[in-house]
Amino acid sequence: MSAILLEVCVDDAEGLAAAIEGGADRIELCSALAVGGLTPSAGLMALAACAPVPAYAMIRPRPGDFVFHTAELDIMRRDIEAARAAGLAGVVLGASLPDGRLDAPALGELTGHAAGLGLTLHRAFDLVPDFAEAIEIAVDLGFERILTSGGARNAPAAVDTLARLVELAAGRLSIMPGSGVTIDTIGQLLPRLAVTEVHSSCSVRDAAKDRRMVEMGFAPPERRRTDAATVRAMRSRLGA
């Protein structure tokens, strides 16, 4: 069995360097991972484009739901253009209707605008009422993979659902488990799932070192930091 690919999500230059040092196979490039990831800055995109592994930029203009209005879709198109101009390998997209179904017209517009770039459908998928329908939409739109926790808060809690999603995808695209995938939980997934890639932050918790930064509102009391040793351990576990 070939090694399973490891995608690591990062939201700053330090995290990018740690992911590369630890042996990540692909980068999901974001800002604001604390709210699930937003579009990274143009500068961070340019830095990631120089990395020795492919990087996909999150295209998400704000926190909250994935129901985007016209102005937000225009922002997303411009951010896709920025990712292409930077030389990134792909983008990570998602858009929902108010009832949770994928917004196929909006996604069709965005994926068309991203022609030539790799495509990942993000966890807007986890909100859909009908996984089978959503997979068909994703296949029709040309997505390479779906990042999903199986509709649960974290992937290890939805192993049976993820196995069903792999069956529904039938090799037409990759089902990539993500959320709560750590070195301690990966063993709950690998024996059960015939997947070719997984998604993880490979992060550790760091308390703020300067209390004044916290008091002034410039930093949270604690943050998660991508850790090269954790990336290395996960890469080793996936290659075992």
Protein backbone atom coordinates (compact mmCIF):
# COMPACT_ATOMS: atom_id res chain seq x y z
CA MET A 1 0.00 0.00 0.00
CA SER A 2 1.40 3.42 -0.93
CA ALA A 3 1.84 6.12 1.69
CA ILE A 4 -1.18 8.31 2.39
CA LEU A 5 -0.71 11.96 1.43
CA LEU A 6 -0.66 14.51 4.27
CA GLU A 7 -2.17 17.96 3.75
CA VAL A 8 -1.38 20.45 6.52
CA CYS A 9 -3.36 23.65 7.02
CA VAL A 10 -1.33 26.72 8.00
CA ASP A 11 -2.12 30.40 8.46
CA ASP A 12 1.24 32.15 8.76
CA ALA A 13 4.84 32.03 7.56
CA GLU A 14 6.01 30.17 10.66
CA GLY A 15 3.39 27.47 10.13
CA LEU A 16 4.29 27.18 6.46
CA ALA A 17 7.96 26.64 7.32
CA ALA A 18 7.09 24.07 10.00
CA ALA A 19 4.82 22.12 7.65
CA ILE A 20 7.53 21.97 5.00
CA GLU A 21 10.23 21.02 7.53
CA GLY A 22 8.05 18.22 8.88
CA GLY A 23 7.41 16.72 5.45
CA ALA A 24 3.88 17.81 4.52
CA ASP A 25 2.88 16.69 1.02
CA ARG A 26 0.56 19.63 0.39
CA ILE A 27 -0.36 22.90 2.11
CA GLU A 28 -3.81 24.34 2.66
CA LEU A 29 -2.97 28.03 2.94
CA CYS A 30 -5.28 30.18 5.06
CA SER A 31 -5.55 33.08 7.39
CA ALA A 32 -7.49 32.86 10.68
CA LEU A 33 -7.55 29.11 11.26
CA ALA A 34 -9.23 29.83 14.60
CA VAL A 35 -12.47 30.43 12.65
CA GLY A 36 -11.95 27.58 10.21
CA GLY A 37 -9.70 29.41 7.76
CA LEU A 38 -10.12 32.51 5.61
CA THR A 39 -8.43 33.70 2.44
CA PRO A 40 -4.69 34.25 2.99
CA SER A 41 -2.98 37.53 2.15
CA ALA A 42 -1.35 38.10 -1.22
CA GLY A 43 2.02 38.17 0.53
CA LEU A 44 1.51 34.79 2.16
CA MET A 45 0.35 33.36 -1.18
CA ALA A 46 3.55 34.62 -2.82
CA LEU A 47 5.66 33.04 -0.07
CA ALA A 48 3.84 29.70 -0.34
CA ALA A 49 4.29 29.68 -4.10
CA CYS A 50 8.03 29.31 -3.48
CA ALA A 51 7.52 26.20 -1.32
CA PRO A 52 8.76 22.80 -2.58
CA VAL A 53 5.26 21.31 -2.18
CA PRO A 54 1.94 22.41 -3.75
CA ALA A 55 -0.18 24.93 -1.87
CA TYR A 56 -3.93 25.47 -2.22
CA ALA A 57 -5.36 28.80 -1.04
CA MET A 58 -8.56 28.90 0.97
CA ILE A 59 -11.05 31.18 -0.80
CA ARG A 60 -13.41 32.32 1.97
CA PRO A 61 -13.94 36.06 2.43
CA ARG A 62 -15.33 36.06 5.97
CA PRO A 63 -16.14 33.87 8.96
CA GLY A 64 -19.61 32.43 9.44
CA ASP A 65 -21.85 30.63 6.99
CA PHE A 66 -21.11 29.82 3.36
CA VAL A 67 -24.10 31.62 1.86
CA PHE A 68 -22.38 34.28 -0.22
CA HIS A 69 -24.01 37.29 -1.87
CA THR A 70 -22.99 38.90 -5.14
CA ALA A 71 -20.32 41.21 -3.73
CA GLU A 72 -18.71 38.35 -1.80
CA LEU A 73 -18.63 36.14 -4.89
CA ASP A 74 -16.88 38.97 -6.72
CA ILE A 75 -14.30 39.13 -3.92
CA MET A 76 -13.83 35.36 -4.20
CA ARG A 77 -13.26 35.60 -7.96
CA ARG A 78 -10.60 38.25 -7.37
CA ASP A 79 -8.97 36.11 -4.69
CA ILE A 80 -8.87 33.18 -7.12
CA GLU A 81 -7.10 35.49 -9.57
CA ALA A 82 -4.61 36.40 -6.82
CA ALA A 83 -3.91 32.72 -6.13
CA ARG A 84 -3.31 32.10 -9.83
CA ALA A 85 -1.11 35.17 -10.17
CA ALA A 86 0.97 34.06 -7.18
CA GLY A 87 1.59 30.70 -8.83
CA LEU A 88 -0.27 28.50 -6.34
CA ALA A 89 -1.34 25.01 -7.34
CA GLY A 90 -5.00 25.32 -6.45
CA VAL A 91 -7.82 26.77 -4.41
CA VAL A 92 -10.23 25.54 -1.73
CA LEU A 93 -13.86 26.52 -2.31
CA GLY A 94 -17.35 26.07 -0.96
CA ALA A 95 -20.72 27.82 -1.16
CA SER A 96 -24.10 26.94 0.31
CA LEU A 97 -27.75 27.68 -0.25
CA PRO A 98 -29.75 28.78 2.83
CA ASP A 99 -31.02 25.21 3.30
CA GLY A 100 -27.47 23.83 3.44
CA ARG A 101 -27.35 22.33 -0.06
CA LEU A 102 -24.37 23.22 -2.18
CA ASP A 103 -24.92 26.36 -4.24
CA ALA A 104 -24.19 24.71 -7.57
CA PRO A 105 -24.62 27.87 -9.71
CA ALA A 106 -22.24 29.88 -7.51
CA LEU A 107 -19.74 27.03 -7.36
CA GLY A 108 -20.00 26.59 -11.12
CA GLU A 109 -19.11 30.25 -11.56
CA LEU A 110 -16.18 30.02 -9.12
CA THR A 111 -14.77 26.77 -10.47
CA GLY A 112 -15.04 28.12 -14.00
CA HIS A 113 -13.08 31.15 -12.90
CA ALA A 114 -10.49 28.81 -11.37
CA ALA A 115 -9.95 26.86 -14.60
CA GLY A 116 -6.47 25.36 -14.65
CA LEU A 117 -6.11 25.35 -10.86
CA GLY A 118 -6.58 22.35 -8.59
CA LEU A 119 -9.90 22.30 -6.73
CA THR A 120 -10.80 21.19 -3.21
CA LEU A 121 -14.39 21.42 -1.92
CA HIS A 122 -14.22 22.49 1.72
CA ARG A 123 -16.39 21.61 4.71
CA ALA A 124 -19.43 23.48 3.47
CA PHE A 125 -20.02 19.90 2.32
CA ASP A 126 -20.53 18.85 5.95
CA LEU A 127 -23.70 20.97 6.15
CA VAL A 128 -25.53 19.39 3.21
CA PRO A 129 -28.74 17.40 3.81
CA ASP A 130 -27.90 14.84 1.10
CA PHE A 131 -24.31 13.68 0.78
CA ALA A 132 -24.94 11.65 -2.38
CA GLU A 133 -26.40 14.66 -4.19
CA ALA A 134 -23.51 16.88 -3.06
CA ILE A 135 -20.90 14.39 -4.25
CA GLU A 136 -22.51 14.33 -7.70
CA ILE A 137 -22.40 18.13 -7.84
CA ALA A 138 -18.74 18.11 -6.80
CA VAL A 139 -17.87 15.51 -9.46
CA ASP A 140 -19.74 17.44 -12.16
CA LEU A 141 -17.89 20.66 -11.24
CA GLY A 142 -14.49 19.01 -11.46
CA PHE A 143 -13.42 19.02 -7.82
CA GLU A 144 -10.44 16.77 -7.13
CA ARG A 145 -11.35 16.11 -3.52
CA ILE A 146 -13.79 16.86 -0.72
CA LEU A 147 -12.44 17.88 2.67
CA THR A 148 -14.94 16.51 5.16
CA SER A 149 -15.52 15.42 8.73
CA GLY A 150 -18.45 13.29 7.63
CA GLY A 151 -20.94 15.86 8.88
CA ALA A 152 -19.74 15.53 12.47
CA ARG A 153 -17.74 18.03 14.53
CA ASN A 154 -14.64 15.94 13.86
CA ALA A 155 -13.75 13.12 11.51
CA PRO A 156 -13.02 10.40 14.12
CA ALA A 157 -16.64 10.73 15.29
CA ALA A 158 -17.97 9.88 11.81
CA VAL A 159 -15.91 6.95 10.56
CA ASP A 160 -18.94 5.01 9.32
CA THR A 161 -20.24 8.02 7.40
CA LEU A 162 -16.80 8.69 5.91
CA ALA A 163 -16.62 5.07 4.74
CA ARG A 164 -19.98 5.53 3.03
CA LEU A 165 -18.73 8.73 1.37
CA VAL A 166 -15.73 6.87 -0.02
CA GLU A 167 -18.12 4.33 -1.51
CA LEU A 168 -20.36 7.05 -2.99
CA ALA A 169 -17.36 8.82 -4.50
CA ALA A 170 -16.33 5.54 -6.16
CA GLY A 171 -12.88 6.83 -7.06
CA ARG A 172 -14.20 9.80 -9.05
CA LEU A 173 -12.75 12.19 -6.50
CA SER A 174 -10.92 11.83 -3.20
CA ILE A 175 -12.65 11.90 0.17
CA MET A 176 -10.12 13.60 2.48
CA PRO A 177 -10.91 13.31 6.21
CA GLY A 178 -10.24 16.47 8.18
CA SER A 179 -11.05 18.12 11.53
CA GLY A 180 -9.82 16.45 14.67
CA VAL A 181 -7.32 14.31 12.75
CA THR A 182 -4.29 14.09 15.03
CA ILE A 183 -1.51 11.64 15.76
CA ASP A 184 -3.72 10.33 18.61
CA THR A 185 -6.85 9.84 16.47
CA ILE A 186 -5.49 8.82 13.08
CA GLY A 187 -5.55 5.18 14.17
CA GLN A 188 -9.35 5.36 14.38
CA LEU A 189 -9.52 6.25 10.68
CA LEU A 190 -6.84 4.31 8.85
CA PRO A 191 -8.00 0.75 9.54
CA ARG A 192 -11.49 1.60 8.32
CA LEU A 193 -11.12 4.04 5.45
CA ALA A 194 -9.73 3.44 1.98
CA VAL A 195 -8.48 7.02 1.64
CA THR A 196 -5.43 8.36 -0.18
CA GLU A 197 -5.00 11.61 1.76
CA VAL A 198 -5.80 13.19 5.11
CA HIS A 199 -5.94 16.77 6.38
CA SER A 200 -4.54 17.94 9.71
CA SER A 201 -3.31 21.09 11.42
CA CYS A 202 -0.51 19.12 13.14
CA SER A 203 -0.55 21.86 15.74
CA VAL A 204 0.26 22.34 19.40
CA ARG A 205 -1.18 24.83 21.88
CA ASP A 206 0.91 27.83 22.86
CA ALA A 207 0.02 30.23 25.67
CA ALA A 208 0.53 33.90 24.89
CA LYS A 209 3.97 35.04 26.06
CA ASP A 210 3.11 38.71 26.44
CA ARG A 211 0.08 39.27 28.67
CA ARG A 212 -0.13 42.91 27.61
CA MET A 213 -0.80 41.82 24.03
CA VAL A 214 -3.76 39.83 25.37
CA GLU A 215 -4.99 42.65 27.60
CA MET A 216 -4.83 45.11 24.70
CA GLY A 217 -6.80 42.76 22.46
CA PHE A 218 -3.92 42.15 20.04
CA ALA A 219 -3.63 38.41 20.74
CA PRO A 220 -5.73 35.57 22.19
CA PRO A 221 -4.69 33.98 25.49
CA GLU A 222 -3.75 30.84 23.59
CA ARG A 223 -3.13 29.91 19.98
CA ARG A 224 -2.47 26.79 17.98
CA ARG A 225 0.89 26.61 16.23
CA THR A 226 1.89 24.23 13.42
CA ASP A 227 4.61 21.99 14.85
CA ALA A 228 7.28 20.43 12.63
CA ALA A 229 7.79 17.45 14.94
CA THR A 230 4.06 16.73 14.90
CA VAL A 231 3.98 16.96 11.11
CA ARG A 232 6.95 14.57 10.97
CA ALA A 233 5.24 12.11 13.32
CA MET A 234 2.02 12.19 11.31
CA ARG A 235 3.93 11.77 8.04
CA SER A 236 5.73 8.75 9.52
CA ARG A 237 2.45 7.25 10.74
CA LEU A 238 0.82 7.65 7.33
CA GLY A 239 3.79 6.09 5.59
CA ALA A 240 3.92 3.06 7.90
